[in-house]
Amino acid sequence: MALMDHIGLKRMHHVSFAVADLAASKRFFCDVLGLPEDERPNFDFPGAWLAVGDRQIHLIEQTGAGREVRGSISRSDHLAMEVEDLDVVKARLNDCGIEFAEGGNERLGMSQAFCSDPDGHTIEFVQYH
């Protein structure tokens, strides 16, 4: 039995990113990528919940003390989203002036594009063939 089954883990619920400028991050995720904003409880700190299918991205604005936010691209600290048509995503990123890198793995039958959000978090888009 897998550990996931043993402790009752079902699936990923959300990904959370610390962001320096909530408005800039919402422009990227909502306006560029087209993610709708979900209702969020009235916490005592600024943030936003965005829908990705039946999952969410939580943006948490952090300034001053706490986790430092700065642009650094990391292979391990990223969000990956499966897409139907990678060419459509790349065209949208181009239209919005967002630089991206391409990758892929023929053995796994996938193509990828990578860009950064306003805080430097790596966003991966993957299409399986």
N, C-alpha and C. Protein backbone atom coordinates (compact mmCIF):
# COMPACT_ATOMS: atom_id res chain seq x y z
N MET A 1 0.84 -1.17 0.00
CA MET A 1 0.00 0.00 0.00
C MET A 1 0.89 1.24 0.00
N ALA A 2 0.58 2.18 -0.87
CA ALA A 2 1.34 3.42 -0.93
C ALA A 2 1.06 4.26 0.30
N LEU A 3 2.06 5.03 0.73
CA LEU A 3 1.90 5.90 1.89
C LEU A 3 0.71 6.84 1.69
N MET A 4 0.53 7.33 0.46
CA MET A 4 -0.59 8.21 0.17
C MET A 4 -1.90 7.55 0.54
N ASP A 5 -2.06 6.29 0.17
CA ASP A 5 -3.28 5.56 0.52
C ASP A 5 -3.38 5.33 2.02
N HIS A 6 -2.25 5.04 2.64
CA HIS A 6 -2.22 4.71 4.06
C HIS A 6 -2.69 5.88 4.93
N ILE A 7 -2.29 7.09 4.60
CA ILE A 7 -2.66 8.23 5.43
C ILE A 7 -3.87 8.98 4.89
N GLY A 8 -4.47 8.49 3.82
CA GLY A 8 -5.72 9.06 3.31
C GLY A 8 -5.57 10.28 2.43
N LEU A 9 -4.39 10.53 1.88
CA LEU A 9 -4.25 11.65 0.94
C LEU A 9 -5.02 11.34 -0.33
N LYS A 10 -5.76 12.31 -0.80
CA LYS A 10 -6.59 12.09 -1.99
C LYS A 10 -6.03 12.76 -3.23
N ARG A 11 -5.67 14.05 -3.13
CA ARG A 11 -5.17 14.78 -4.29
C ARG A 11 -4.69 16.16 -3.82
N MET A 12 -3.98 16.83 -4.68
CA MET A 12 -3.54 18.18 -4.36
C MET A 12 -4.75 19.10 -4.28
N HIS A 13 -4.78 19.96 -3.29
CA HIS A 13 -5.89 20.91 -3.12
C HIS A 13 -5.55 22.27 -3.73
N HIS A 14 -4.40 22.83 -3.34
CA HIS A 14 -4.00 24.12 -3.89
C HIS A 14 -2.49 24.28 -3.82
N VAL A 15 -2.01 25.25 -4.58
CA VAL A 15 -0.63 25.69 -4.55
C VAL A 15 -0.66 27.12 -4.05
N SER A 16 0.26 27.48 -3.16
CA SER A 16 0.29 28.82 -2.60
C SER A 16 1.61 29.49 -2.94
N PHE A 17 1.53 30.75 -3.37
CA PHE A 17 2.72 31.53 -3.68
C PHE A 17 2.73 32.80 -2.84
N ALA A 18 3.86 33.11 -2.24
CA ALA A 18 4.07 34.42 -1.62
C ALA A 18 4.37 35.39 -2.75
N VAL A 19 3.68 36.53 -2.76
CA VAL A 19 3.87 37.51 -3.83
C VAL A 19 4.15 38.88 -3.23
N ALA A 20 4.93 39.68 -3.94
CA ALA A 20 5.28 41.01 -3.46
C ALA A 20 4.21 42.03 -3.84
N ASP A 21 3.56 41.85 -4.97
CA ASP A 21 2.57 42.81 -5.48
C ASP A 21 1.35 42.04 -5.93
N LEU A 22 0.33 42.00 -5.09
CA LEU A 22 -0.87 41.21 -5.38
C LEU A 22 -1.52 41.63 -6.69
N ALA A 23 -1.62 42.93 -6.95
CA ALA A 23 -2.25 43.40 -8.18
C ALA A 23 -1.50 42.91 -9.42
N ALA A 24 -0.17 42.97 -9.39
CA ALA A 24 0.63 42.51 -10.53
C ALA A 24 0.45 41.00 -10.73
N SER A 25 0.41 40.25 -9.64
CA SER A 25 0.23 38.80 -9.75
C SER A 25 -1.16 38.47 -10.28
N LYS A 26 -2.17 39.19 -9.83
CA LYS A 26 -3.53 38.95 -10.34
C LYS A 26 -3.63 39.29 -11.82
N ARG A 27 -2.93 40.35 -12.26
CA ARG A 27 -2.93 40.66 -13.70
C ARG A 27 -2.35 39.50 -14.49
N PHE A 28 -1.24 38.91 -14.00
CA PHE A 28 -0.61 37.79 -14.70
C PHE A 28 -1.54 36.58 -14.72
N PHE A 29 -1.98 36.13 -13.55
CA PHE A 29 -2.76 34.90 -13.47
C PHE A 29 -4.19 35.06 -14.03
N CYS A 30 -4.83 36.21 -13.80
CA CYS A 30 -6.21 36.40 -14.24
C CYS A 30 -6.28 36.94 -15.67
N ASP A 31 -5.54 38.02 -15.95
CA ASP A 31 -5.64 38.66 -17.26
C ASP A 31 -4.87 37.91 -18.34
N VAL A 32 -3.65 37.49 -18.05
CA VAL A 32 -2.84 36.79 -19.05
C VAL A 32 -3.29 35.34 -19.19
N LEU A 33 -3.35 34.61 -18.06
CA LEU A 33 -3.69 33.19 -18.12
C LEU A 33 -5.19 32.92 -18.10
N GLY A 34 -5.99 33.90 -17.74
CA GLY A 34 -7.44 33.75 -17.78
C GLY A 34 -8.05 32.98 -16.62
N LEU A 35 -7.35 32.90 -15.48
CA LEU A 35 -7.90 32.17 -14.34
C LEU A 35 -8.93 33.03 -13.62
N PRO A 36 -10.08 32.46 -13.28
CA PRO A 36 -11.08 33.22 -12.53
C PRO A 36 -10.72 33.28 -11.05
N GLU A 37 -11.12 34.38 -10.41
CA GLU A 37 -10.89 34.53 -8.99
C GLU A 37 -12.03 33.86 -8.22
N ASP A 38 -11.68 33.05 -7.22
CA ASP A 38 -12.66 32.40 -6.35
C ASP A 38 -12.92 33.26 -5.13
N GLU A 39 -14.03 33.01 -4.48
CA GLU A 39 -14.33 33.70 -3.22
C GLU A 39 -13.31 33.27 -2.17
N ARG A 40 -12.87 34.23 -1.38
CA ARG A 40 -11.85 33.99 -0.36
C ARG A 40 -12.35 34.55 0.97
N PRO A 41 -12.13 33.81 2.05
CA PRO A 41 -12.53 34.35 3.36
C PRO A 41 -11.84 35.69 3.64
N ASN A 42 -12.39 36.47 4.52
CA ASN A 42 -11.86 37.78 4.86
C ASN A 42 -10.74 37.64 5.88
N PHE A 43 -9.59 37.14 5.42
CA PHE A 43 -8.43 36.99 6.29
C PHE A 43 -7.87 38.36 6.65
N ASP A 44 -6.98 38.41 7.64
CA ASP A 44 -6.38 39.67 8.04
C ASP A 44 -5.09 39.96 7.28
N PHE A 45 -4.93 39.36 6.12
CA PHE A 45 -3.79 39.63 5.26
C PHE A 45 -4.28 39.58 3.81
N PRO A 46 -3.67 40.38 2.94
CA PRO A 46 -4.13 40.44 1.55
C PRO A 46 -3.76 39.18 0.76
N GLY A 47 -4.64 38.80 -0.14
CA GLY A 47 -4.40 37.65 -0.98
C GLY A 47 -5.54 37.42 -1.95
N ALA A 48 -5.44 36.37 -2.72
CA ALA A 48 -6.48 36.00 -3.68
C ALA A 48 -6.45 34.50 -3.89
N TRP A 49 -7.61 33.93 -4.14
CA TRP A 49 -7.73 32.52 -4.51
C TRP A 49 -8.18 32.47 -5.96
N LEU A 50 -7.46 31.71 -6.77
CA LEU A 50 -7.75 31.60 -8.20
C LEU A 50 -8.07 30.15 -8.54
N ALA A 51 -9.04 29.96 -9.40
CA ALA A 51 -9.48 28.61 -9.78
C ALA A 51 -8.67 28.09 -10.96
N VAL A 52 -8.24 26.83 -10.84
CA VAL A 52 -7.63 26.09 -11.94
C VAL A 52 -8.38 24.77 -11.99
N GLY A 53 -9.45 24.73 -12.79
CA GLY A 53 -10.33 23.57 -12.76
C GLY A 53 -10.93 23.45 -11.37
N ASP A 54 -10.80 22.27 -10.77
CA ASP A 54 -11.34 22.09 -9.42
C ASP A 54 -10.26 22.26 -8.35
N ARG A 55 -9.15 22.88 -8.70
CA ARG A 55 -8.06 23.17 -7.77
C ARG A 55 -7.87 24.68 -7.68
N GLN A 56 -6.94 25.13 -6.84
CA GLN A 56 -6.74 26.56 -6.67
C GLN A 56 -5.27 26.93 -6.57
N ILE A 57 -5.01 28.18 -6.93
CA ILE A 57 -3.74 28.83 -6.63
C ILE A 57 -4.08 29.90 -5.59
N HIS A 58 -3.36 29.90 -4.47
CA HIS A 58 -3.53 30.92 -3.45
C HIS A 58 -2.37 31.90 -3.54
N LEU A 59 -2.68 33.16 -3.74
CA LEU A 59 -1.67 34.21 -3.74
C LEU A 59 -1.73 34.91 -2.39
N ILE A 60 -0.59 35.05 -1.73
CA ILE A 60 -0.53 35.69 -0.42
C ILE A 60 0.49 36.81 -0.49
N GLU A 61 -0.01 38.04 -0.38
CA GLU A 61 0.90 39.19 -0.45
C GLU A 61 1.69 39.29 0.85
N GLN A 62 3.01 39.34 0.71
CA GLN A 62 3.87 39.44 1.89
C GLN A 62 4.89 40.53 1.66
N THR A 63 4.87 41.50 2.54
CA THR A 63 5.85 42.57 2.50
C THR A 63 6.45 42.71 3.89
N GLY A 64 7.61 43.29 3.96
CA GLY A 64 8.25 43.49 5.26
C GLY A 64 8.76 42.18 5.83
N ALA A 65 8.53 41.97 7.13
CA ALA A 65 9.02 40.77 7.80
C ALA A 65 8.34 39.53 7.24
N GLY A 66 8.97 38.42 7.36
CA GLY A 66 8.41 37.17 6.84
C GLY A 66 9.23 36.68 5.68
N ARG A 67 8.63 35.85 4.87
CA ARG A 67 9.34 35.29 3.73
C ARG A 67 9.71 36.37 2.74
N GLU A 68 10.96 36.42 2.37
CA GLU A 68 11.41 37.39 1.39
C GLU A 68 10.93 36.96 0.01
N VAL A 69 10.41 37.90 -0.74
CA VAL A 69 9.94 37.62 -2.09
C VAL A 69 10.89 38.31 -3.05
N ARG A 70 11.43 37.56 -3.98
CA ARG A 70 12.30 38.13 -5.01
C ARG A 70 12.32 37.19 -6.20
N GLY A 71 12.67 37.73 -7.34
CA GLY A 71 12.66 36.93 -8.55
C GLY A 71 13.80 35.94 -8.61
N SER A 72 13.48 34.67 -8.53
CA SER A 72 14.48 33.63 -8.72
C SER A 72 13.79 32.42 -9.32
N ILE A 73 14.29 31.98 -10.43
CA ILE A 73 13.67 30.86 -11.12
C ILE A 73 14.26 29.57 -10.58
N SER A 74 13.39 28.65 -10.23
CA SER A 74 13.82 27.40 -9.65
C SER A 74 13.09 26.25 -10.33
N ARG A 75 13.81 25.16 -10.58
CA ARG A 75 13.16 23.98 -11.15
C ARG A 75 12.29 23.30 -10.12
N SER A 76 12.63 23.41 -8.85
CA SER A 76 11.87 22.68 -7.84
C SER A 76 10.69 23.48 -7.31
N ASP A 77 10.75 24.80 -7.33
CA ASP A 77 9.68 25.65 -6.81
C ASP A 77 8.88 26.20 -7.98
N HIS A 78 7.91 25.40 -8.43
CA HIS A 78 7.14 25.84 -9.59
C HIS A 78 5.75 25.22 -9.57
N LEU A 79 4.91 25.76 -10.44
CA LEU A 79 3.57 25.26 -10.66
C LEU A 79 3.51 24.75 -12.09
N ALA A 80 2.98 23.56 -12.30
CA ALA A 80 2.84 23.00 -13.64
C ALA A 80 1.36 22.81 -13.94
N MET A 81 0.94 23.24 -15.13
CA MET A 81 -0.45 23.09 -15.55
C MET A 81 -0.49 22.37 -16.89
N GLU A 82 -1.29 21.32 -16.96
CA GLU A 82 -1.47 20.61 -18.22
C GLU A 82 -2.42 21.41 -19.10
N VAL A 83 -2.08 21.53 -20.38
CA VAL A 83 -2.90 22.29 -21.32
C VAL A 83 -3.25 21.42 -22.52
N GLU A 84 -4.33 21.81 -23.20
CA GLU A 84 -4.75 21.07 -24.39
C GLU A 84 -3.90 21.40 -25.60
N ASP A 85 -3.53 22.68 -25.75
CA ASP A 85 -2.80 23.12 -26.94
C ASP A 85 -1.71 24.10 -26.52
N LEU A 86 -0.48 23.64 -26.47
CA LEU A 86 0.64 24.47 -26.03
C LEU A 86 0.87 25.65 -26.97
N ASP A 87 0.57 25.49 -28.26
CA ASP A 87 0.77 26.59 -29.21
C ASP A 87 -0.13 27.78 -28.86
N VAL A 88 -1.33 27.52 -28.38
CA VAL A 88 -2.24 28.59 -27.97
C VAL A 88 -1.66 29.34 -26.77
N VAL A 89 -1.11 28.60 -25.82
CA VAL A 89 -0.49 29.22 -24.63
C VAL A 89 0.70 30.07 -25.04
N LYS A 90 1.56 29.54 -25.91
CA LYS A 90 2.75 30.28 -26.34
C LYS A 90 2.34 31.54 -27.09
N ALA A 91 1.31 31.46 -27.91
CA ALA A 91 0.83 32.65 -28.62
C ALA A 91 0.33 33.70 -27.64
N ARG A 92 -0.38 33.27 -26.62
CA ARG A 92 -0.90 34.21 -25.61
C ARG A 92 0.26 34.87 -24.86
N LEU A 93 1.25 34.09 -24.47
CA LEU A 93 2.40 34.65 -23.77
C LEU A 93 3.12 35.66 -24.67
N ASN A 94 3.29 35.32 -25.95
CA ASN A 94 3.90 36.26 -26.90
C ASN A 94 3.09 37.54 -27.01
N ASP A 95 1.77 37.41 -27.15
CA ASP A 95 0.89 38.57 -27.28
C ASP A 95 1.01 39.50 -26.07
N CYS A 96 1.27 38.93 -24.90
CA CYS A 96 1.36 39.71 -23.66
C CYS A 96 2.79 40.14 -23.34
N GLY A 97 3.73 39.82 -24.24
CA GLY A 97 5.11 40.23 -24.04
C GLY A 97 5.82 39.48 -22.93
N ILE A 98 5.38 38.26 -22.66
CA ILE A 98 5.98 37.45 -21.60
C ILE A 98 6.96 36.46 -22.22
N GLU A 99 8.21 36.55 -21.79
CA GLU A 99 9.24 35.65 -22.30
C GLU A 99 9.02 34.25 -21.74
N PHE A 100 9.36 33.25 -22.55
CA PHE A 100 9.24 31.86 -22.11
C PHE A 100 10.30 31.02 -22.78
N ALA A 101 10.58 29.89 -22.16
CA ALA A 101 11.51 28.91 -22.71
C ALA A 101 10.71 27.66 -23.04
N GLU A 102 11.19 26.92 -24.02
CA GLU A 102 10.51 25.69 -24.41
C GLU A 102 11.33 24.48 -24.01
N GLY A 103 10.64 23.39 -23.78
CA GLY A 103 11.28 22.14 -23.43
C GLY A 103 10.38 20.99 -23.84
N GLY A 104 10.74 19.82 -23.40
CA GLY A 104 9.92 18.66 -23.71
C GLY A 104 10.69 17.38 -23.49
N ASN A 105 9.99 16.29 -23.66
CA ASN A 105 10.59 14.98 -23.48
C ASN A 105 9.86 14.03 -24.42
N GLU A 106 10.51 13.67 -25.53
CA GLU A 106 9.88 12.79 -26.51
C GLU A 106 9.55 11.43 -25.94
N ARG A 107 10.42 10.90 -25.07
CA ARG A 107 10.17 9.60 -24.45
C ARG A 107 8.87 9.60 -23.65
N LEU A 108 8.59 10.73 -22.98
CA LEU A 108 7.35 10.85 -22.20
C LEU A 108 6.20 11.40 -23.04
N GLY A 109 6.48 11.78 -24.29
CA GLY A 109 5.43 12.29 -25.17
C GLY A 109 4.87 13.62 -24.72
N MET A 110 5.75 14.54 -24.35
CA MET A 110 5.26 15.82 -23.86
C MET A 110 6.08 16.98 -24.38
N SER A 111 5.41 18.13 -24.51
CA SER A 111 6.04 19.40 -24.85
C SER A 111 5.78 20.36 -23.70
N GLN A 112 6.72 21.30 -23.47
CA GLN A 112 6.60 22.21 -22.35
C GLN A 112 6.97 23.63 -22.75
N ALA A 113 6.41 24.58 -21.99
CA ALA A 113 6.83 25.98 -22.05
C ALA A 113 6.93 26.46 -20.60
N PHE A 114 7.93 27.29 -20.33
CA PHE A 114 8.17 27.79 -18.98
C PHE A 114 8.25 29.32 -19.02
N CYS A 115 7.58 29.97 -18.08
CA CYS A 115 7.71 31.41 -17.93
C CYS A 115 7.76 31.72 -16.44
N SER A 116 7.85 32.99 -16.11
CA SER A 116 7.87 33.41 -14.71
C SER A 116 6.71 34.35 -14.45
N ASP A 117 6.15 34.26 -13.24
CA ASP A 117 5.14 35.24 -12.83
C ASP A 117 5.89 36.48 -12.35
N PRO A 118 5.18 37.54 -11.93
CA PRO A 118 5.87 38.77 -11.54
C PRO A 118 6.85 38.62 -10.38
N ASP A 119 6.72 37.57 -9.56
CA ASP A 119 7.65 37.36 -8.45
C ASP A 119 8.74 36.37 -8.75
N GLY A 120 8.80 35.87 -10.00
CA GLY A 120 9.85 34.94 -10.38
C GLY A 120 9.53 33.48 -10.17
N HIS A 121 8.29 33.16 -9.75
CA HIS A 121 7.92 31.75 -9.64
C HIS A 121 7.84 31.16 -11.05
N THR A 122 8.39 29.99 -11.22
CA THR A 122 8.34 29.35 -12.52
C THR A 122 6.96 28.74 -12.74
N ILE A 123 6.38 29.04 -13.90
CA ILE A 123 5.09 28.48 -14.30
C ILE A 123 5.37 27.60 -15.52
N GLU A 124 5.03 26.33 -15.40
CA GLU A 124 5.23 25.36 -16.48
C GLU A 124 3.89 25.02 -17.11
N PHE A 125 3.88 24.95 -18.42
CA PHE A 125 2.71 24.48 -19.17
C PHE A 125 3.15 23.23 -19.91
N VAL A 126 2.37 22.16 -19.80
CA VAL A 126 2.76 20.90 -20.42
C VAL A 126 1.60 20.36 -21.25
N GLN A 127 1.94 19.86 -22.42
CA GLN A 127 0.96 19.21 -23.30
C GLN A 127 1.46 17.80 -23.58
N TYR A 128 0.63 16.82 -23.30
CA TYR A 128 0.96 15.43 -23.60
C TYR A 128 0.39 15.08 -24.96
N HIS A 129 1.18 14.34 -25.75
CA HIS A 129 0.77 13.99 -27.12
C HIS A 129 0.23 12.58 -27.16
